[in-house]
């Protein structure tokens, strides 16, 4: 009997799953598919993940296992090096083909290269189709066939390309009964614990979040997406990161409702879809420039000095803890700590505060976000941090420096967001939240005074960039 393997990586769904559908089709109606997930065997500290994301991963795998059982299959769990474990599974089952959706990240590509070598050595067929993006790699290029370095022209090409329709859900799948499997992973397997309030994991929960967003908030997304105290965004980022829902499903749902909305609503829907394009823009950049994870995209700023805040050696720790004395910054960092998620406007504010006010290396913040975020996506996280630092793929100059007080007035004018996440400030007047204290003192008991004067640090940032730009 023919047997094929589907290796789940970041595609924990049975609907519109490109490689899984191909595996089922290749196996045929009377053949068997072996769905497998290989758990990483690292323990302890890790640069790119943390408890919140691992807890969400565990929940997604538990949900996926139930969904596979409902259609006659079984999720096989192995632990260790992915290529070695897949090779063992081939030897145990006699599988002749391996299917997996390809990874857009440099780390995943290295694994795929090793997997390809193993497959060829064993005479296996290996299929690695596109799935994580609607358009990837070399699909949205300039007229000269080169990679876009700025978002707007990239987005115009991206929107002009034909879009694939989402595929159906797999209805039936047969997995051989004799294949051994480890138990589903638990957070304690990595020596971790978490008190973070994460979203409900699983494909069903992701579809419900999309349904709720399409039924209402998408029509006012353009107006409300930056208002930090309003629930005006989709909250689908972790679902895209773990493949609980595909970008094709999201695009199709948004375009379908967009056609029935009034003009302002259509603009909002397209503004939302532009966020999908930003995700794929950063993924394409990282595909072509994997060095982005280690150095600045704009070569002008490589070797840039990040001296930190004079006289404040614990500035990074205070930023992480949400104790800077800047309410909008601290509210965002506390939201991250409590939920593993942060509003997108808040991500810009906190990132720019770290790099332009505290003068700390963007790589510190990038790594902290990746350890803390449930939706940590390497390409988007890197792209967002480099954008905020002024070193990335963006046409705007380095002297874009956001003022946290001005950002508060624009995007949390009633202090709703701040009061939600900073209990010490719940009884403080709006005036005290919107402007720096004139006497430099704390604005409430138990809450710190601002750790710096923004205008002075803005001037210092401009000087640092200007001196680096004209260096010999």
Protein backbone atom coordinates (compact mmCIF):
# COMPACT_ATOMS: atom_id res chain seq x y z
CA UNK A 1 0.00 0.00 0.00
CA UNK A 2 1.32 3.44 -0.92
CA UNK A 3 2.20 5.69 1.99
CA UNK A 4 3.17 9.36 2.00
CA UNK A 5 4.23 11.72 4.77
CA UNK A 6 2.90 15.21 5.39
CA UNK A 7 5.20 17.18 7.69
CA UNK A 8 3.34 19.93 9.56
CA UNK A 9 5.57 22.95 10.21
CA UNK A 10 3.63 26.24 10.45
CA UNK A 11 0.41 25.12 8.76
CA UNK A 12 -1.75 23.67 11.53
CA UNK A 13 -5.00 23.38 9.59
CA UNK A 14 -6.83 20.94 7.32
CA UNK A 15 -8.51 23.64 5.18
CA UNK A 16 -6.66 25.22 2.25
CA UNK A 17 -3.42 23.49 3.21
CA UNK A 18 -1.46 23.21 -0.03
CA UNK A 19 0.96 20.43 0.87
CA UNK A 20 -1.59 18.41 2.85
CA UNK A 21 -4.05 18.52 -0.04
CA UNK A 22 -1.28 17.42 -2.41
CA UNK A 23 -0.32 14.56 -0.09
CA UNK A 24 -3.92 13.32 0.12
CA UNK A 25 -4.26 13.53 -3.67
CA UNK A 26 -0.96 11.72 -4.23
CA UNK A 27 -1.83 8.94 -1.81
CA UNK A 28 -5.16 8.27 -3.50
CA UNK A 29 -8.43 7.05 -2.01
CA UNK A 30 -7.13 3.67 -0.80
CA UNK A 31 -3.69 4.79 0.38
CA UNK A 32 -2.37 6.24 3.61
CA UNK A 33 -1.09 9.63 4.74
CA UNK A 34 1.18 9.98 7.76
CA UNK A 35 0.76 13.47 9.26
CA UNK A 36 3.71 14.28 11.51
CA UNK A 37 4.98 17.14 13.64
CA UNK A 38 8.56 17.09 14.91
CA UNK A 39 8.95 18.85 18.25
CA UNK A 40 12.18 20.76 18.70
CA UNK A 41 14.32 19.21 21.43
CA UNK A 42 15.91 22.44 22.72
CA UNK A 43 15.43 23.39 26.36
CA UNK A 44 15.91 26.53 28.41
CA UNK A 45 16.72 29.97 27.03
CA UNK A 46 16.12 30.60 23.35
CA UNK A 47 16.62 33.76 21.34
CA UNK A 48 13.58 33.43 19.11
CA UNK A 49 10.74 32.01 21.19
CA UNK A 50 9.25 32.11 24.66
CA UNK A 51 6.55 30.56 26.86
CA UNK A 52 3.55 32.38 25.39
CA UNK A 53 4.25 31.24 21.85
CA UNK A 54 5.12 27.70 22.93
CA UNK A 55 1.89 27.46 24.91
CA UNK A 56 -0.06 28.59 21.85
CA UNK A 57 1.85 26.03 19.74
CA UNK A 58 0.83 23.26 22.15
CA UNK A 59 -2.81 24.29 21.91
CA UNK A 60 -2.66 24.40 18.12
CA UNK A 61 -1.21 20.90 17.95
CA UNK A 62 -3.89 19.55 20.30
CA UNK A 63 -6.59 21.13 18.12
CA UNK A 64 -4.97 19.81 14.93
CA UNK A 65 -4.83 16.30 16.40
CA UNK A 66 -8.58 16.38 17.08
CA UNK A 67 -9.33 17.68 13.58
CA UNK A 68 -7.29 14.91 11.99
CA UNK A 69 -8.99 12.28 14.13
CA UNK A 70 -12.37 13.63 13.01
CA UNK A 71 -11.53 12.80 9.38
CA UNK A 72 -9.99 9.40 10.10
CA UNK A 73 -6.34 10.38 10.56
CA UNK A 74 -3.89 10.63 13.43
CA UNK A 75 -1.19 13.20 14.20
CA UNK A 76 2.19 11.56 14.79
CA UNK A 77 4.47 13.38 17.21
CA UNK A 78 8.24 12.93 17.11
CA UNK A 79 10.97 14.87 18.89
CA UNK A 80 14.47 15.81 17.77
CA UNK A 81 16.18 16.91 14.58
CA UNK A 82 13.48 17.21 11.91
CA UNK A 83 15.44 15.65 9.04
CA UNK A 84 16.69 12.73 11.14
CA UNK A 85 13.22 12.05 12.51
CA UNK A 86 11.63 12.15 9.06
CA UNK A 87 14.28 9.75 7.79
CA UNK A 88 13.45 7.36 10.65
CA UNK A 89 9.74 7.68 9.86
CA UNK A 90 10.39 6.79 6.23
CA UNK A 91 12.33 3.70 7.29
CA UNK A 92 9.58 2.64 9.71
CA UNK A 93 6.62 3.13 7.37
CA UNK A 94 7.98 2.59 3.86
CA UNK A 95 6.70 6.00 2.78
CA UNK A 96 7.82 6.99 -0.71
CA UNK A 97 7.01 10.71 -0.73
CA UNK A 98 7.33 13.60 1.71
CA UNK A 99 5.12 16.69 1.51
CA UNK A 100 5.66 19.91 3.45
CA UNK A 101 4.84 23.56 2.88
CA UNK A 102 8.05 25.47 2.38
CA UNK A 103 9.23 27.91 5.01
CA UNK A 104 9.89 31.56 4.06
CA UNK A 105 12.50 31.98 6.81
CA UNK A 106 16.27 31.37 6.44
CA UNK A 107 16.30 28.76 9.21
CA UNK A 108 13.58 26.73 7.55
CA UNK A 109 15.34 26.91 4.21
CA UNK A 110 18.48 25.38 5.71
CA UNK A 111 16.41 22.46 7.00
CA UNK A 112 14.80 22.05 3.56
CA UNK A 113 18.23 21.87 1.94
CA UNK A 114 19.19 19.03 4.28
CA UNK A 115 15.86 17.32 3.73
CA UNK A 116 16.37 17.48 -0.04
CA UNK A 117 19.78 15.80 0.30
CA UNK A 118 18.29 13.04 2.46
CA UNK A 119 15.36 12.49 0.08
CA UNK A 120 17.63 12.16 -2.94
CA UNK A 121 19.91 9.75 -1.11
CA UNK A 122 16.93 7.53 -0.27
CA UNK A 123 15.22 7.86 -3.64
CA UNK A 124 12.24 9.72 -2.16
CA UNK A 125 10.03 12.28 -3.85
CA UNK A 126 10.02 15.61 -1.96
CA UNK A 127 7.35 18.25 -2.54
CA UNK A 128 7.72 21.72 -0.97
CA UNK A 129 4.95 23.96 -2.37
CA UNK A 130 4.19 27.60 -1.57
CA UNK A 131 1.61 28.08 1.17
CA UNK A 132 2.61 30.71 3.76
CA UNK A 133 2.21 33.58 1.25
CA UNK A 134 -0.09 34.52 -1.58
CA UNK A 135 2.91 35.85 -3.51
CA UNK A 136 6.48 35.03 -2.53
CA UNK A 137 10.11 35.07 -3.64
CA UNK A 138 10.17 36.37 -7.20
CA UNK A 139 6.51 36.95 -8.00
CA UNK A 140 6.24 40.70 -7.26
CA UNK A 141 9.31 42.30 -8.82
CA UNK A 142 10.24 45.56 -10.52
CA UNK A 143 10.00 45.96 -14.30
CA UNK A 144 13.71 45.11 -14.43
CA UNK A 145 13.16 41.89 -12.51
CA UNK A 146 14.77 43.11 -9.30
CA UNK A 147 13.51 43.09 -5.72
CA UNK A 148 11.53 46.09 -4.50
CA UNK A 149 13.20 47.93 -1.64
CA UNK A 150 10.23 50.22 -0.91
CA UNK A 151 6.72 49.08 0.00
CA UNK A 152 4.37 51.24 -2.09
CA UNK A 153 5.53 50.19 -5.58
CA UNK A 154 5.75 46.58 -4.36
CA UNK A 155 2.14 46.74 -3.17
CA UNK A 156 0.93 48.04 -6.55
CA UNK A 157 2.49 45.07 -8.31
CA UNK A 158 1.25 42.67 -5.61
CA UNK A 159 -2.37 43.82 -5.93
CA UNK A 160 -2.14 43.58 -9.72
CA UNK A 161 -1.23 39.89 -9.74
CA UNK A 162 -3.96 37.22 -10.09
CA UNK A 163 -4.96 35.68 -6.78
CA UNK A 164 -5.43 31.95 -6.12
CA UNK A 165 -8.69 30.83 -4.54
CA UNK A 166 -8.60 29.03 -1.20
CA UNK A 167 -8.71 25.26 -1.37
CA UNK A 168 -11.34 23.11 0.37
CA UNK A 169 -11.06 21.29 3.67
CA UNK A 170 -9.75 17.73 3.67
CA UNK A 171 -12.74 15.48 4.33
CA UNK A 172 -11.09 12.08 4.69
CA UNK A 173 -7.62 10.87 5.58
CA UNK A 174 -6.30 7.44 6.55
CA UNK A 175 -3.23 7.04 8.76
CA UNK A 176 -1.65 3.63 9.44
CA UNK A 177 -2.47 2.44 12.96
CA UNK A 178 0.92 0.96 13.80
CA UNK A 179 3.01 4.14 13.60
CA UNK A 180 4.40 5.04 17.02
CA UNK A 181 3.91 8.54 18.39
CA UNK A 182 5.01 10.54 21.39
CA UNK A 183 2.37 12.37 23.48
CA UNK A 184 1.34 15.85 22.42
CA UNK A 185 3.85 18.39 23.76
CA UNK A 186 3.20 20.37 26.92
CA UNK A 187 4.78 23.66 27.97
CA UNK A 188 6.62 21.87 30.76
CA UNK A 189 8.48 19.79 28.15
CA UNK A 190 10.65 22.87 27.57
CA UNK A 191 10.97 23.60 31.27
CA UNK A 192 8.62 26.55 30.84
CA UNK A 193 5.60 27.99 32.58
CA UNK A 194 3.42 30.93 31.58
CA UNK A 195 0.82 33.22 33.10
CA UNK A 196 0.15 35.02 29.80
CA UNK A 197 -3.49 35.23 28.69
CA UNK A 198 -3.12 33.89 25.15
CA UNK A 199 -5.86 33.73 22.47
CA UNK A 200 -7.75 30.50 21.99
CA UNK A 201 -5.58 28.29 19.75
CA UNK A 202 -6.72 26.12 16.87
CA UNK A 203 -8.20 26.34 13.40
CA UNK A 204 -11.80 26.73 14.54
CA UNK A 205 -10.92 29.68 16.79
CA UNK A 206 -9.00 31.34 13.97
CA UNK A 207 -11.93 31.01 11.57
CA UNK A 208 -14.21 32.51 14.21
CA UNK A 209 -11.87 35.49 14.67
CA UNK A 210 -11.90 36.08 10.93
CA UNK A 211 -15.68 35.79 10.84
CA UNK A 212 -16.11 38.36 13.63
CA UNK A 213 -13.70 40.80 11.99
CA UNK A 214 -15.28 40.50 8.54
CA UNK A 215 -18.78 40.95 10.00
CA UNK A 216 -18.00 44.33 11.53
CA UNK A 217 -14.61 45.90 12.32
CA UNK A 218 -13.22 45.59 8.80
CA UNK A 219 -15.63 48.31 7.60
CA UNK A 220 -14.08 50.86 9.98
CA UNK A 221 -10.55 49.47 10.01
CA UNK A 222 -9.07 52.48 8.25
CA UNK A 223 -10.55 54.84 10.83
CA UNK A 224 -10.00 52.83 14.00
CA UNK A 225 -6.94 50.61 13.47
CA UNK A 226 -4.56 53.12 15.11
CA UNK A 227 -6.81 53.92 18.09
CA UNK A 228 -5.13 51.91 20.78
CA UNK A 229 -8.04 51.80 23.21
CA UNK A 230 -10.46 50.51 20.56
CA UNK A 231 -10.86 46.94 19.34
CA UNK A 232 -10.42 47.92 15.72
CA UNK A 233 -7.94 45.35 14.39
CA UNK A 234 -8.34 41.75 13.23
CA UNK A 235 -6.28 39.90 15.90
CA UNK A 236 -5.37 37.34 13.22
CA UNK A 237 -1.59 37.73 13.38
CA UNK A 238 -0.95 34.62 15.50
CA UNK A 239 -3.30 32.65 13.25
CA UNK A 240 -1.25 33.56 10.20
CA UNK A 241 1.99 32.84 12.03
CA UNK A 242 0.93 29.29 12.91
CA UNK A 243 -1.04 28.67 9.74
CA UNK A 244 -4.38 28.22 11.49
CA UNK A 245 -5.79 30.16 8.58
CA UNK A 246 -4.20 30.90 5.23
CA UNK A 247 -3.57 34.32 3.68
CA UNK A 248 -5.70 33.15 0.75
CA UNK A 249 -8.67 32.61 3.06
CA UNK A 250 -8.23 36.05 4.59
CA UNK A 251 -7.84 37.76 1.21
CA UNK A 252 -10.90 36.02 -0.23
CA UNK A 253 -13.06 36.87 2.79
CA UNK A 254 -11.98 40.52 2.79
CA UNK A 255 -12.46 40.96 -0.96
CA UNK A 256 -15.87 39.31 -0.79
CA UNK A 257 -17.15 41.71 1.86
CA UNK A 258 -15.34 44.69 0.32
CA UNK A 259 -17.56 44.52 -2.75
CA UNK A 260 -20.69 45.04 -0.63
CA UNK A 261 -19.40 47.94 1.50
CA UNK A 262 -19.92 51.67 0.93
CA UNK A 263 -16.91 53.66 -0.39
CA UNK A 264 -15.33 54.34 3.03
CA UNK A 265 -15.81 50.73 4.01
CA UNK A 266 -14.13 49.55 0.82
CA UNK A 267 -11.18 51.80 1.57
CA UNK A 268 -10.97 50.26 5.04
CA UNK A 269 -11.02 46.73 3.64
CA UNK A 270 -8.22 47.58 1.23
CA UNK A 271 -6.26 49.19 4.07
CA UNK A 272 -6.56 45.92 5.95
CA UNK A 273 -5.41 43.91 2.94
CA UNK A 274 -2.37 46.17 2.70
CA UNK A 275 -1.26 44.68 6.02
CA UNK A 276 -1.18 41.26 4.36
CA UNK A 277 0.98 42.82 1.67
CA UNK A 278 3.37 44.28 4.29
CA UNK A 279 3.79 40.77 5.71
CA UNK A 280 4.68 39.35 2.31
CA UNK A 281 6.92 42.32 1.48
CA UNK A 282 9.03 41.63 4.55
CA UNK A 283 9.07 37.90 3.81
CA UNK A 284 10.30 38.53 0.27
CA UNK A 285 13.02 40.86 1.55
CA UNK A 286 14.18 38.28 4.08
CA UNK A 287 14.19 35.60 1.39
CA UNK A 288 16.55 37.62 -0.79
CA UNK A 289 18.49 39.26 2.05
CA UNK A 290 18.78 36.78 4.95
CA UNK A 291 21.56 38.95 6.38
CA UNK A 292 18.78 41.30 7.58
CA UNK A 293 18.59 39.24 10.75
CA UNK A 294 22.10 40.32 11.66
CA UNK A 295 22.64 43.71 10.04
CA UNK A 296 20.89 46.83 8.81
CA UNK A 297 19.09 46.64 5.47
CA UNK A 298 20.31 50.11 4.49
CA UNK A 299 24.11 49.76 4.25
CA UNK A 300 24.52 53.43 5.20
CA UNK A 301 23.66 52.53 8.80
CA UNK A 302 25.76 49.41 9.23
CA UNK A 303 28.13 49.81 12.12
CA UNK A 304 25.83 52.45 13.62
CA UNK A 305 26.63 53.38 17.23
CA UNK A 306 23.92 52.61 19.79
CA UNK A 307 25.44 54.10 22.96
CA UNK A 308 22.42 53.85 25.23
CA UNK A 309 21.06 56.48 27.60
CA UNK A 310 23.83 58.26 29.54
CA UNK A 311 23.75 57.52 33.24
CA UNK A 312 20.91 54.96 33.00
CA UNK A 313 22.48 51.49 32.82
CA UNK A 314 19.14 49.75 33.43
CA UNK A 315 17.28 51.55 30.62
CA UNK A 316 16.60 48.34 28.68
CA UNK A 317 15.27 46.56 31.76
CA UNK A 318 12.96 49.47 32.56
CA UNK A 319 11.69 49.45 28.97
CA UNK A 320 11.00 45.70 29.16
CA UNK A 321 9.15 46.09 32.47
CA UNK A 322 7.00 49.04 31.36
CA UNK A 323 8.54 51.43 33.90
CA UNK A 324 9.92 54.24 31.74
CA UNK A 325 7.58 56.94 33.03
CA UNK A 326 6.09 57.39 29.56
CA UNK A 327 2.53 56.04 29.97
CA UNK A 328 1.89 55.06 26.34
CA UNK A 329 5.18 53.14 26.17
CA UNK A 330 4.65 51.44 29.51
CA UNK A 331 1.04 50.48 28.72
CA UNK A 332 2.20 48.77 25.53
CA UNK A 333 4.97 46.84 27.24
CA UNK A 334 2.58 45.71 29.97
CA UNK A 335 0.03 44.62 27.39
CA UNK A 336 2.75 42.50 25.80
CA UNK A 337 3.67 40.94 29.13
CA UNK A 338 0.05 40.14 29.99
CA UNK A 339 -1.22 38.88 26.63
CA UNK A 340 1.72 38.08 24.34
CA UNK A 341 0.28 40.60 21.89
CA UNK A 342 0.72 44.31 21.30
CA UNK A 343 -1.27 46.78 19.24
CA UNK A 344 0.56 47.56 15.98
CA UNK A 345 0.70 51.31 16.65
CA UNK A 346 2.13 50.49 20.06
CA UNK A 347 4.80 48.33 18.44
CA UNK A 348 5.99 51.34 16.47
CA UNK A 349 5.92 53.63 19.50
CA UNK A 350 7.83 51.26 21.77
CA UNK A 351 10.37 50.33 19.10
CA UNK A 352 11.09 53.92 18.25
CA UNK A 353 11.36 54.81 21.94
CA UNK A 354 13.99 52.10 22.44
CA UNK A 355 16.05 53.13 19.42
CA UNK A 356 15.51 56.89 19.21
CA UNK A 357 15.03 57.86 22.89
CA UNK A 358 17.07 55.21 24.70
CA UNK A 359 19.60 54.91 21.82
CA UNK A 360 19.69 51.13 22.18
CA UNK A 361 20.35 48.66 19.39
CA UNK A 362 17.20 47.58 17.55
CA UNK A 363 18.42 43.95 17.75
CA UNK A 364 17.83 44.00 21.51
CA UNK A 365 14.20 44.95 21.03
CA UNK A 366 13.74 42.58 18.11
CA UNK A 367 14.89 39.60 20.19
CA UNK A 368 12.76 40.65 23.18
CA UNK A 369 9.66 40.92 21.02
CA UNK A 370 10.30 37.51 19.45
CA UNK A 371 10.60 35.93 22.90
CA UNK A 372 7.44 37.68 24.12
CA UNK A 373 5.00 37.73 21.20
CA UNK A 374 2.56 34.90 20.51
CA UNK A 375 2.50 36.05 16.88
CA UNK A 376 6.28 36.44 16.57
CA UNK A 377 6.99 36.30 12.83
CA UNK A 378 10.70 36.67 12.10
CA UNK A 379 10.35 38.64 8.85
CA UNK A 380 7.65 41.05 10.06
CA UNK A 381 9.33 41.56 13.41
CA UNK A 382 12.67 42.34 11.78
CA UNK A 383 11.05 44.60 9.20
CA UNK A 384 9.09 46.52 11.82
CA UNK A 385 12.08 47.03 14.06
CA UNK A 386 14.32 48.19 11.24
CA UNK A 387 11.57 50.55 10.01
CA UNK A 388 11.32 52.07 13.49
CA UNK A 389 15.08 52.31 13.88
CA UNK A 390 15.40 54.07 10.54
CA UNK A 391 17.70 51.40 9.12
CA UNK A 392 15.28 49.34 7.04
CA UNK A 393 13.44 49.15 3.73
CA UNK A 394 11.65 52.46 3.71
CA UNK A 395 11.73 55.68 1.73
CA UNK A 396 11.34 57.92 4.81
CA UNK A 397 14.50 59.49 6.28
CA UNK A 398 16.18 58.54 9.53
CA UNK A 399 14.97 61.70 11.26
CA UNK A 400 11.46 60.31 11.69
CA UNK A 401 11.28 60.30 15.51
CA UNK A 402 7.88 59.79 17.10
CA UNK A 403 7.07 61.82 20.21
CA UNK A 404 5.36 59.50 22.76
CA UNK A 405 3.28 62.38 24.15
CA UNK A 406 2.05 63.40 20.69
CA UNK A 407 1.30 59.77 19.86
CA UNK A 408 -0.81 59.55 23.02
CA UNK A 409 -2.84 62.62 22.05
CA UNK A 410 -3.51 61.20 18.58
CA UNK A 411 -4.12 57.54 19.33
CA UNK A 412 -5.24 57.32 22.97
CA UNK A 413 -6.71 60.79 23.63
CA UNK A 414 -9.05 59.58 26.39
CA UNK A 415 -6.36 57.49 28.07
CA UNK A 416 -8.42 54.31 27.65
CA UNK A 417 -5.50 52.16 26.58
CA UNK A 418 -3.17 53.54 29.24
CA UNK A 419 -5.64 53.05 32.08
CA UNK A 420 -6.37 49.50 30.92
CA UNK A 421 -2.78 48.39 31.32
CA UNK A 422 -1.36 50.66 34.04
CA UNK A 423 -3.40 50.34 37.25
CA UNK A 424 -1.36 53.09 38.94
CA UNK A 425 -2.78 55.61 36.46
CA UNK A 426 -6.48 54.70 36.50
CA UNK A 427 -7.40 57.71 38.62
CA UNK A 428 -5.11 60.20 36.88
CA UNK A 429 -6.65 63.00 34.79
CA UNK A 430 -6.31 63.04 31.01
CA UNK A 431 -4.16 66.15 31.15
CA UNK A 432 -1.56 64.29 33.17
CA UNK A 433 -1.49 61.43 30.66
CA UNK A 434 -1.16 63.56 27.53
CA UNK A 435 1.74 65.84 28.47
CA UNK A 436 4.99 65.35 30.36
CA UNK A 437 4.86 66.53 34.00
CA UNK A 438 6.15 70.09 34.16
CA UNK A 439 8.03 69.45 37.39
CA UNK A 440 9.56 66.16 36.26
CA UNK A 441 7.89 64.33 39.15
CA UNK A 442 5.84 61.11 39.05
CA UNK A 443 2.24 61.64 38.00
CA UNK A 444 0.91 59.02 40.43
CA UNK A 445 2.12 57.10 43.50
CA UNK A 446 4.04 53.98 42.54
CA UNK A 447 4.60 55.12 38.98
CA UNK A 448 8.02 56.46 37.90
CA UNK A 449 8.81 59.93 36.62
CA UNK A 450 9.79 60.11 32.91
CA UNK A 451 13.29 58.67 32.62
CA UNK A 452 14.33 61.21 29.98
CA UNK A 453 13.37 64.41 28.23
CA UNK A 454 12.17 63.49 24.76
CA UNK A 455 13.24 66.58 22.83
CA UNK A 456 16.79 66.35 24.17
CA UNK A 457 17.09 62.68 23.19
CA UNK A 458 15.58 63.40 19.78
CA UNK A 459 18.36 65.93 19.17
CA UNK A 460 20.92 63.39 20.31
CA UNK A 461 19.50 60.81 17.90
CA UNK A 462 19.74 63.21 14.97
CA UNK A 463 23.32 63.96 15.91
CA UNK A 464 24.24 60.26 16.17
CA UNK A 465 22.78 59.51 12.74
CA UNK A 466 24.27 62.62 11.13
CA UNK A 467 27.77 61.91 12.47
CA UNK A 468 27.59 58.28 11.32
CA UNK A 469 26.37 59.31 7.87
CA UNK A 470 29.40 61.55 7.21
CA UNK A 471 32.02 59.32 8.81
CA UNK A 472 35.13 58.67 6.68
